Amino acid sequence: MPLFQIGSYSHTYIGTTYRCQRIKRVLLAHIYRNHISMPTY
């Protein structure tokens, strides 16, 4: 396999992982904020 293909593949993999982690963090922050702001019965 050519080296540039490996480089682009690892770059895409890292980008996808970073994007997923960022989305997950934003979702968790949203859920946490909504849970805190909700009244506790």
C-alpha atoms as a PDB file:
ATOM      1  CA  MET A   1       0.000   0.000   0.000  1.00  0.00           C
ATOM      2  CA  PRO A   2       1.412   3.432  -0.899  1.00  0.00           C
ATOM      3  CA  LEU A   3       2.446   5.660   1.946  1.00  0.00           C
ATOM      4  CA  PHE A   4       0.108   8.520   0.992  1.00  0.00           C
ATOM      5  CA  GLN A   5      -2.865   6.171   1.189  1.00  0.00           C
ATOM      6  CA  ILE A   6      -1.898   5.156   4.728  1.00  0.00           C
ATOM      7  CA  GLY A   7      -1.465   8.816   5.667  1.00  0.00           C
ATOM      8  CA  SER A   8      -4.851   9.838   4.287  1.00  0.00           C
ATOM      9  CA  TYR A   9      -6.508   6.824   5.928  1.00  0.00           C
ATOM     10  CA  SER A  10      -5.042   7.585   9.358  1.00  0.00           C
ATOM     11  CA  HIS A  11      -5.937  11.257   8.930  1.00  0.00           C
ATOM     12  CA  THR A  12      -9.542  10.357   8.093  1.00  0.00           C
ATOM     13  CA  TYR A  13      -9.692   7.910  11.005  1.00  0.00           C
ATOM     14  CA  ILE A  14      -8.368  10.490  13.473  1.00  0.00           C
ATOM     15  CA  GLY A  15     -10.758  13.123  12.100  1.00  0.00           C
ATOM     16  CA  THR A  16     -13.743  10.794  12.420  1.00  0.00           C
ATOM     17  CA  THR A  17     -12.793   9.770  15.956  1.00  0.00           C
ATOM     18  CA  TYR A  18     -12.277  13.397  16.988  1.00  0.00           C
ATOM     19  CA  ARG A  19     -15.628  14.397  15.475  1.00  0.00           C
ATOM     20  CA  CYS A  20     -17.437  11.549  17.254  1.00  0.00           C
ATOM     21  CA  GLN A  21     -15.870  12.458  20.587  1.00  0.00           C
ATOM     22  CA  ARG A  22     -16.789  16.113  20.126  1.00  0.00           C
ATOM     23  CA  ILE A  23     -20.410  15.259  19.227  1.00  0.00           C
ATOM     24  CA  LYS A  24     -20.617  12.905  22.203  1.00  0.00           C
ATOM     25  CA  ARG A  25     -19.243  15.591  24.534  1.00  0.00           C
ATOM     26  CA  VAL A  26     -21.752  18.161  23.239  1.00  0.00           C
ATOM     27  CA  LEU A  27     -24.623  15.705  23.634  1.00  0.00           C
ATOM     28  CA  LEU A  28     -23.550  14.829  27.170  1.00  0.00           C
ATOM     29  CA  ALA A  29     -23.308  18.513  28.050  1.00  0.00           C
ATOM     30  CA  HIS A  30     -26.810  19.090  26.669  1.00  0.00           C
ATOM     31  CA  ILE A  31     -28.260  16.148  28.591  1.00  0.00           C
ATOM     32  CA  TYR A  32     -26.433  17.190  31.765  1.00  0.00           C
ATOM     33  CA  ARG A  33     -27.634  20.789  31.496  1.00  0.00           C
ATOM     34  CA  ASN A  34     -31.228  19.745  30.793  1.00  0.00           C
ATOM     35  CA  HIS A  35     -31.144  17.272  33.683  1.00  0.00           C
ATOM     36  CA  ILE A  36     -29.830  19.921  36.074  1.00  0.00           C
ATOM     37  CA  SER A  37     -32.313  22.552  34.903  1.00  0.00           C
ATOM     38  CA  MET A  38     -35.248  20.170  35.200  1.00  0.00           C
ATOM     39  CA  PRO A  39     -37.110  20.371  38.505  1.00  0.00           C
ATOM     40  CA  THR A  40     -36.581  17.410  40.818  1.00  0.00           C
ATOM     41  CA  TYR A  41     -39.712  15.848  42.177  1.00  0.00           C
END
